[in-house]
C-alpha atoms as a PDB file:
ATOM      1  CA  MET A   1     100.714 -39.951 -82.557  1.00  0.00           C
ATOM      2  CA  ILE A   2      97.003 -39.208 -82.841  1.00  0.00           C
ATOM      3  CA  ARG A   3      95.611 -36.697 -80.355  1.00  0.00           C
ATOM      4  CA  MET A   4      93.079 -37.956 -77.847  1.00  0.00           C
ATOM      5  CA  GLY A   5      89.487 -37.024 -78.420  1.00  0.00           C
ATOM      6  CA  ARG A   6      86.820 -36.386 -75.820  1.00  0.00           C
ATOM      7  CA  TYR A   7      85.725 -40.018 -75.587  1.00  0.00           C
ATOM      8  CA  ALA A   8      89.282 -41.269 -75.225  1.00  0.00           C
ATOM      9  CA  LYS A   9      89.804 -38.903 -72.294  1.00  0.00           C
ATOM     10  CA  ILE A  10      86.644 -40.160 -70.616  1.00  0.00           C
ATOM     11  CA  TYR A  11      87.750 -43.754 -71.227  1.00  0.00           C
ATOM     12  CA  PHE A  12      91.148 -43.084 -69.656  1.00  0.00           C
ATOM     13  CA  ARG A  13      89.476 -41.618 -66.584  1.00  0.00           C
ATOM     14  CA  LEU A  14      87.366 -44.755 -66.239  1.00  0.00           C
ATOM     15  CA  ILE A  15      90.212 -47.263 -66.576  1.00  0.00           C
ATOM     16  CA  GLY A  16      92.565 -45.448 -64.248  1.00  0.00           C
ATOM     17  CA  LYS A  17      96.026 -44.008 -64.654  1.00  0.00           C
ATOM     18  CA  GLU A  18      97.815 -47.268 -63.903  1.00  0.00           C
ATOM     19  CA  HIS A  19      96.908 -48.639 -67.356  1.00  0.00           C
ATOM     20  CA  ILE A  20      97.596 -45.560 -69.476  1.00  0.00           C
ATOM     21  CA  ASP A  21     101.274 -46.355 -70.083  1.00  0.00           C
ATOM     22  CA  GLU A  22     100.436 -49.855 -71.297  1.00  0.00           C
ATOM     23  CA  ILE A  23      97.721 -48.488 -73.576  1.00  0.00           C
ATOM     24  CA  ARG A  24     100.135 -45.932 -75.003  1.00  0.00           C
ATOM     25  CA  LYS A  25     102.671 -48.685 -75.704  1.00  0.00           C
ATOM     26  CA  ALA A  26     100.024 -50.778 -77.435  1.00  0.00           C
ATOM     27  CA  SER A  27      98.858 -47.776 -79.468  1.00  0.00           C
ATOM     28  CA  ARG A  28     102.400 -47.121 -80.631  1.00  0.00           C
ATOM     29  CA  VAL A  29     102.824 -50.755 -81.696  1.00  0.00           C
ATOM     30  CA  VAL A  30      99.511 -50.714 -83.584  1.00  0.00           C
ATOM     31  CA  VAL A  31     100.430 -47.691 -85.719  1.00  0.00           C
ATOM     32  CA  GLY A  32     103.923 -49.040 -86.308  1.00  0.00           C
ATOM     33  CA  ASN A  33     106.047 -46.748 -88.430  1.00  0.00           C
ATOM     34  CA  LEU A  34     103.161 -44.801 -89.997  1.00  0.00           C
ATOM     35  CA  THR A  35     103.602 -41.057 -90.121  1.00  0.00           C
ATOM     36  CA  HIS A  36     100.949 -38.818 -88.594  1.00  0.00           C
ATOM     37  CA  SER A  37      99.528 -38.156 -92.075  1.00  0.00           C
ATOM     38  CA  GLU A  38      99.389 -41.882 -92.795  1.00  0.00           C
ATOM     39  CA  GLN A  39      97.638 -42.499 -89.473  1.00  0.00           C
ATOM     40  CA  ILE A  40      94.974 -39.919 -90.336  1.00  0.00           C
ATOM     41  CA  LEU A  41      94.530 -41.440 -93.807  1.00  0.00           C
ATOM     42  CA  LEU A  42      94.227 -44.926 -92.295  1.00  0.00           C
ATOM     43  CA  ILE A  43      91.557 -43.725 -89.874  1.00  0.00           C
ATOM     44  CA  ALA A  44      89.596 -42.166 -92.747  1.00  0.00           C
ATOM     45  CA  ILE A  45      89.801 -45.340 -94.843  1.00  0.00           C
ATOM     46  CA  LEU A  46      88.840 -47.604 -91.947  1.00  0.00           C
ATOM     47  CA  TYR A  47      85.926 -45.317 -91.110  1.00  0.00           C
ATOM     48  CA  LYS A  48      84.700 -45.456 -94.712  1.00  0.00           C
ATOM     49  CA  LEU A  49      84.928 -49.258 -94.745  1.00  0.00           C
ATOM     50  CA  ASP A  50      83.143 -49.460 -91.407  1.00  0.00           C
ATOM     51  CA  GLU A  51      80.277 -47.339 -92.732  1.00  0.00           C
ATOM     52  CA  PHE A  52      80.029 -49.524 -95.832  1.00  0.00           C
ATOM     53  CA  HIS A  53      80.009 -52.787 -93.891  1.00  0.00           C
ATOM     54  CA  ASP A  54      77.611 -51.420 -91.306  1.00  0.00           C
ATOM     55  CA  SER A  55      75.146 -50.499 -94.067  1.00  0.00           C
ATOM     56  CA  LEU A  56      75.331 -54.098 -95.300  1.00  0.00           C
ATOM     57  CA  TYR A  57      74.785 -55.435 -91.801  1.00  0.00           C
ATOM     58  CA  ARG A  58      71.710 -53.219 -91.396  1.00  0.00           C
ATOM     59  CA  MET A  59      70.212 -54.714 -94.562  1.00  0.00           C
ATOM     60  CA  ASN A  60      69.652 -57.867 -92.482  1.00  0.00           C
ATOM     61  CA  GLN A  61      69.845 -60.232 -95.431  1.00  0.00           C
ATOM     62  CA  GLU A  62      70.081 -63.986 -95.453  1.00  0.00           C
ATOM     63  CA  SER A  63      73.710 -65.034 -95.624  1.00  0.00           C
ATOM     64  CA  ARG A  64      73.128 -67.128 -98.743  1.00  0.00           C
ATOM     65  CA  ASN A  65      72.049 -63.981-100.650  1.00  0.00           C
ATOM     66  CA  LEU A  66      74.439 -61.510 -99.106  1.00  0.00           C
ATOM     67  CA  LEU A  67      77.510 -61.954-101.305  1.00  0.00           C
ATOM     68  CA  ASP A  68      75.599 -61.740-104.593  1.00  0.00           C
ATOM     69  CA  ASN A  69      73.523 -58.748-103.466  1.00  0.00           C
ATOM     70  CA  VAL A  70      76.563 -56.821-102.239  1.00  0.00           C
ATOM     71  CA  TYR A  71      78.477 -57.649-105.403  1.00  0.00           C
ATOM     72  CA  LYS A  72      75.583 -56.335-107.514  1.00  0.00           C
ATOM     73  CA  ARG A  73      75.431 -53.192-105.373  1.00  0.00           C
ATOM     74  CA  LEU A  74      79.152 -52.527-105.847  1.00  0.00           C
ATOM     75  CA  ASN A  75      78.948 -52.982-109.594  1.00  0.00           C
ATOM     76  CA  SER A  76      75.814 -50.972-110.315  1.00  0.00           C
END
């Protein structure tokens, strides 16, 4: 399982101890049967995709132009 970072610890303090067990169960279900290495790789890939999509969002383009412009950007 992935170790808790600073923000996760703060979050757990805010929500209270009564919910931690349920959150741990949900976390275990989300990662399924991935190994620790696979979990770390998944996080890295999702982070990279998030950065990519966030950069597109920040371009603030009209939706009718978005697909073509992103496609051009990927293939340039």
